[in-house]
Amino acid sequence: MRFTDRFIKIPIKVYNKAQADLVNKIEYEDSWMKISPFEISEYKPTQDEENENYDCVYLVMKSGSGVFVYMSINEFEALLNERFSETE
């Protein structure tokens, strides 16, 4: 197993703060991040009302940082379970 195989890739949204300050409007772009599933503290289904009412997952890491994951709770749990079935 490669070191990077320990992480899972999750879809997120980001915005350019400099652009938002210039035009006074926040525009989100699709992006992604990789996290260690062992660093997850908690997660819950939610909606991101500021960003087009997406049904998504709010994920909190052990560090205390939180992020919206733009997939359904079922998709997110399947991704976690798939990752752990590969490591057995």
N, C-alpha and C. Protein backbone atom coordinates (compact mmCIF):
# COMPACT_ATOMS: atom_id res chain seq x y z
N MET A 1 0.84 -1.18 0.00
CA MET A 1 0.00 0.00 0.00
C MET A 1 0.89 1.25 0.00
N ARG A 2 0.53 2.19 -0.85
CA ARG A 2 1.25 3.46 -0.87
C ARG A 2 0.72 4.36 0.23
N PHE A 3 1.54 5.30 0.68
CA PHE A 3 1.13 6.22 1.75
C PHE A 3 -0.14 6.97 1.38
N THR A 4 -0.23 7.43 0.15
CA THR A 4 -1.39 8.24 -0.27
C THR A 4 -2.68 7.42 -0.33
N ASP A 5 -2.57 6.10 -0.35
CA ASP A 5 -3.75 5.25 -0.36
C ASP A 5 -4.50 5.30 0.97
N ARG A 6 -3.89 5.86 1.99
CA ARG A 6 -4.53 5.96 3.30
C ARG A 6 -5.54 7.09 3.37
N PHE A 7 -5.57 7.94 2.37
CA PHE A 7 -6.46 9.10 2.35
C PHE A 7 -7.66 8.82 1.45
N ILE A 8 -8.76 9.53 1.73
CA ILE A 8 -9.90 9.46 0.83
C ILE A 8 -10.11 10.84 0.22
N LYS A 9 -10.56 10.84 -1.01
CA LYS A 9 -10.78 12.09 -1.74
C LYS A 9 -12.25 12.47 -1.60
N ILE A 10 -12.49 13.70 -1.13
CA ILE A 10 -13.86 14.16 -0.94
C ILE A 10 -14.10 15.45 -1.73
N PRO A 11 -15.31 15.60 -2.29
CA PRO A 11 -15.64 16.82 -3.04
C PRO A 11 -16.03 17.96 -2.08
N ILE A 12 -15.44 19.12 -2.30
CA ILE A 12 -15.73 20.31 -1.51
C ILE A 12 -15.94 21.49 -2.45
N LYS A 13 -16.27 22.63 -1.89
CA LYS A 13 -16.36 23.88 -2.67
C LYS A 13 -15.46 24.91 -2.01
N VAL A 14 -14.82 25.72 -2.83
CA VAL A 14 -13.94 26.77 -2.34
C VAL A 14 -14.30 28.08 -3.04
N TYR A 15 -13.86 29.17 -2.45
CA TYR A 15 -14.07 30.46 -3.11
C TYR A 15 -12.80 31.29 -3.01
N ASN A 16 -12.69 32.22 -3.93
CA ASN A 16 -11.55 33.11 -3.99
C ASN A 16 -11.89 34.36 -3.19
N LYS A 17 -11.30 34.50 -2.00
CA LYS A 17 -11.62 35.63 -1.12
C LYS A 17 -11.26 36.96 -1.77
N ALA A 18 -10.15 37.02 -2.49
CA ALA A 18 -9.75 38.27 -3.14
C ALA A 18 -10.80 38.69 -4.17
N GLN A 19 -11.29 37.73 -4.94
CA GLN A 19 -12.32 38.03 -5.94
C GLN A 19 -13.61 38.47 -5.23
N ALA A 20 -13.96 37.79 -4.15
CA ALA A 20 -15.17 38.14 -3.41
C ALA A 20 -15.08 39.55 -2.87
N ASP A 21 -13.91 39.96 -2.40
CA ASP A 21 -13.73 41.31 -1.89
C ASP A 21 -13.86 42.36 -3.02
N LEU A 22 -13.41 42.01 -4.21
CA LEU A 22 -13.46 42.94 -5.34
C LEU A 22 -14.89 43.14 -5.86
N VAL A 23 -15.60 42.06 -6.05
CA VAL A 23 -16.92 42.16 -6.68
C VAL A 23 -18.06 42.05 -5.67
N ASN A 24 -17.72 41.89 -4.40
CA ASN A 24 -18.72 41.83 -3.33
C ASN A 24 -19.69 40.66 -3.50
N LYS A 25 -19.22 39.59 -4.10
CA LYS A 25 -20.06 38.41 -4.30
C LYS A 25 -19.17 37.18 -4.20
N ILE A 26 -19.64 36.22 -3.44
CA ILE A 26 -18.87 34.98 -3.29
C ILE A 26 -19.33 33.97 -4.33
N GLU A 27 -18.40 33.51 -5.13
CA GLU A 27 -18.69 32.47 -6.11
C GLU A 27 -17.87 31.24 -5.74
N TYR A 28 -18.56 30.12 -5.60
CA TYR A 28 -17.91 28.87 -5.21
C TYR A 28 -17.50 28.08 -6.43
N GLU A 29 -16.41 27.37 -6.30
CA GLU A 29 -15.94 26.48 -7.35
C GLU A 29 -15.79 25.09 -6.79
N ASP A 30 -16.07 24.10 -7.62
CA ASP A 30 -15.88 22.71 -7.20
C ASP A 30 -14.39 22.45 -7.01
N SER A 31 -14.09 21.71 -5.98
CA SER A 31 -12.72 21.32 -5.70
C SER A 31 -12.76 20.00 -4.94
N TRP A 32 -11.64 19.61 -4.38
CA TRP A 32 -11.58 18.39 -3.60
C TRP A 32 -10.46 18.49 -2.58
N MET A 33 -10.50 17.61 -1.60
CA MET A 33 -9.40 17.50 -0.65
C MET A 33 -9.28 16.04 -0.27
N LYS A 34 -8.12 15.66 0.21
CA LYS A 34 -7.91 14.30 0.68
C LYS A 34 -7.73 14.35 2.19
N ILE A 35 -8.43 13.44 2.86
CA ILE A 35 -8.36 13.40 4.32
C ILE A 35 -8.03 11.97 4.78
N SER A 36 -7.49 11.89 5.96
CA SER A 36 -7.31 10.59 6.59
C SER A 36 -8.60 10.22 7.30
N PRO A 37 -9.21 9.10 6.95
CA PRO A 37 -10.46 8.74 7.61
C PRO A 37 -10.27 8.49 9.12
N PHE A 38 -9.05 8.23 9.54
CA PHE A 38 -8.78 8.01 10.96
C PHE A 38 -8.79 9.31 11.76
N GLU A 39 -8.80 10.45 11.07
CA GLU A 39 -8.81 11.75 11.74
C GLU A 39 -10.22 12.34 11.85
N ILE A 40 -11.23 11.60 11.38
CA ILE A 40 -12.60 12.08 11.46
C ILE A 40 -13.09 11.96 12.91
N SER A 41 -13.61 13.07 13.41
CA SER A 41 -14.16 13.08 14.77
C SER A 41 -15.66 12.78 14.73
N GLU A 42 -16.34 13.45 13.82
CA GLU A 42 -17.79 13.24 13.68
C GLU A 42 -18.25 13.74 12.33
N TYR A 43 -19.45 13.29 11.92
CA TYR A 43 -20.06 13.79 10.69
C TYR A 43 -21.56 13.66 10.82
N LYS A 44 -22.26 14.48 10.03
CA LYS A 44 -23.72 14.45 10.05
C LYS A 44 -24.27 14.93 8.72
N PRO A 45 -25.47 14.46 8.35
CA PRO A 45 -26.10 14.97 7.14
C PRO A 45 -26.60 16.38 7.40
N THR A 46 -26.53 17.21 6.39
CA THR A 46 -26.97 18.60 6.54
C THR A 46 -27.24 19.19 5.16
N GLN A 47 -27.57 20.46 5.13
CA GLN A 47 -27.70 21.21 3.88
C GLN A 47 -26.83 22.44 3.99
N ASP A 48 -26.15 22.76 2.91
CA ASP A 48 -25.37 23.99 2.85
C ASP A 48 -26.26 25.06 2.24
N GLU A 49 -26.96 25.80 3.08
CA GLU A 49 -27.93 26.78 2.61
C GLU A 49 -27.27 27.98 1.93
N GLU A 50 -26.03 28.26 2.25
CA GLU A 50 -25.32 29.38 1.62
C GLU A 50 -24.85 29.03 0.23
N ASN A 51 -24.84 27.76 -0.09
CA ASN A 51 -24.27 27.33 -1.36
C ASN A 51 -25.24 26.43 -2.12
N GLU A 52 -26.34 27.01 -2.55
CA GLU A 52 -27.30 26.36 -3.43
C GLU A 52 -28.08 25.21 -2.79
N ASN A 53 -28.22 25.22 -1.46
CA ASN A 53 -29.03 24.21 -0.77
C ASN A 53 -28.64 22.77 -1.09
N TYR A 54 -27.37 22.51 -1.15
CA TYR A 54 -26.91 21.15 -1.40
C TYR A 54 -27.18 20.27 -0.19
N ASP A 55 -27.69 19.07 -0.44
CA ASP A 55 -27.68 18.05 0.60
C ASP A 55 -26.25 17.55 0.66
N CYS A 56 -25.68 17.58 1.83
CA CYS A 56 -24.27 17.22 1.96
C CYS A 56 -24.00 16.68 3.35
N VAL A 57 -22.74 16.49 3.64
CA VAL A 57 -22.30 15.99 4.93
C VAL A 57 -21.42 17.06 5.56
N TYR A 58 -21.65 17.35 6.84
CA TYR A 58 -20.75 18.23 7.55
C TYR A 58 -19.80 17.35 8.34
N LEU A 59 -18.52 17.51 8.06
CA LEU A 59 -17.48 16.65 8.59
C LEU A 59 -16.61 17.45 9.55
N VAL A 60 -16.38 16.91 10.74
CA VAL A 60 -15.51 17.55 11.72
C VAL A 60 -14.31 16.64 11.95
N MET A 61 -13.14 17.22 11.85
CA MET A 61 -11.91 16.46 12.06
C MET A 61 -11.49 16.57 13.52
N LYS A 62 -10.62 15.68 13.96
CA LYS A 62 -10.11 15.71 15.34
C LYS A 62 -9.43 17.03 15.66
N SER A 63 -8.90 17.70 14.66
CA SER A 63 -8.25 19.00 14.85
C SER A 63 -9.25 20.10 15.18
N GLY A 64 -10.54 19.81 14.96
CA GLY A 64 -11.58 20.81 15.20
C GLY A 64 -12.04 21.50 13.93
N SER A 65 -11.32 21.34 12.83
CA SER A 65 -11.73 21.97 11.57
C SER A 65 -12.92 21.22 10.99
N GLY A 66 -13.78 21.97 10.33
CA GLY A 66 -14.97 21.38 9.72
C GLY A 66 -15.05 21.73 8.25
N VAL A 67 -15.72 20.90 7.50
CA VAL A 67 -15.85 21.12 6.06
C VAL A 67 -17.14 20.47 5.57
N PHE A 68 -17.78 21.10 4.58
CA PHE A 68 -18.91 20.49 3.91
C PHE A 68 -18.39 19.55 2.84
N VAL A 69 -18.89 18.34 2.83
CA VAL A 69 -18.54 17.34 1.81
C VAL A 69 -19.75 17.23 0.89
N TYR A 70 -19.54 17.48 -0.38
CA TYR A 70 -20.65 17.57 -1.33
C TYR A 70 -20.98 16.22 -1.94
N MET A 71 -21.52 15.37 -1.08
CA MET A 71 -22.07 14.08 -1.48
C MET A 71 -23.12 13.73 -0.43
N SER A 72 -24.00 12.82 -0.74
CA SER A 72 -25.03 12.44 0.22
C SER A 72 -24.40 11.65 1.37
N ILE A 73 -25.12 11.56 2.47
CA ILE A 73 -24.63 10.80 3.61
C ILE A 73 -24.41 9.34 3.22
N ASN A 74 -25.29 8.79 2.37
CA ASN A 74 -25.14 7.40 1.93
C ASN A 74 -23.88 7.20 1.10
N GLU A 75 -23.60 8.15 0.20
CA GLU A 75 -22.39 8.07 -0.62
C GLU A 75 -21.14 8.18 0.25
N PHE A 76 -21.18 9.10 1.23
CA PHE A 76 -20.03 9.30 2.11
C PHE A 76 -19.75 8.05 2.94
N GLU A 77 -20.78 7.48 3.52
CA GLU A 77 -20.59 6.27 4.32
C GLU A 77 -20.13 5.10 3.46
N ALA A 78 -20.63 5.01 2.24
CA ALA A 78 -20.16 3.95 1.33
C ALA A 78 -18.68 4.13 1.02
N LEU A 79 -18.25 5.38 0.82
CA LEU A 79 -16.83 5.66 0.56
C LEU A 79 -15.97 5.23 1.74
N LEU A 80 -16.40 5.56 2.96
CA LEU A 80 -15.66 5.14 4.16
C LEU A 80 -15.61 3.63 4.28
N ASN A 81 -16.76 2.97 4.11
CA ASN A 81 -16.81 1.53 4.24
C ASN A 81 -15.98 0.82 3.17
N GLU A 82 -15.99 1.38 1.97
CA GLU A 82 -15.18 0.81 0.89
C GLU A 82 -13.70 0.92 1.23
N ARG A 83 -13.28 2.06 1.78
CA ARG A 83 -11.89 2.26 2.15
C ARG A 83 -11.45 1.24 3.20
N PHE A 84 -12.30 1.01 4.18
CA PHE A 84 -11.92 0.10 5.26
C PHE A 84 -12.01 -1.36 4.83
N SER A 85 -12.87 -1.69 3.86
CA SER A 85 -12.91 -3.07 3.38
C SER A 85 -11.66 -3.40 2.57
N GLU A 86 -11.04 -2.38 1.97
CA GLU A 86 -9.81 -2.57 1.20
C GLU A 86 -8.61 -2.83 2.12
N THR A 87 -8.65 -2.34 3.35
CA THR A 87 -7.51 -2.47 4.24
C THR A 87 -7.55 -3.75 5.07
N GLU A 88 -8.64 -4.50 5.00
CA GLU A 88 -8.72 -5.73 5.79
C GLU A 88 -7.97 -6.85 5.14
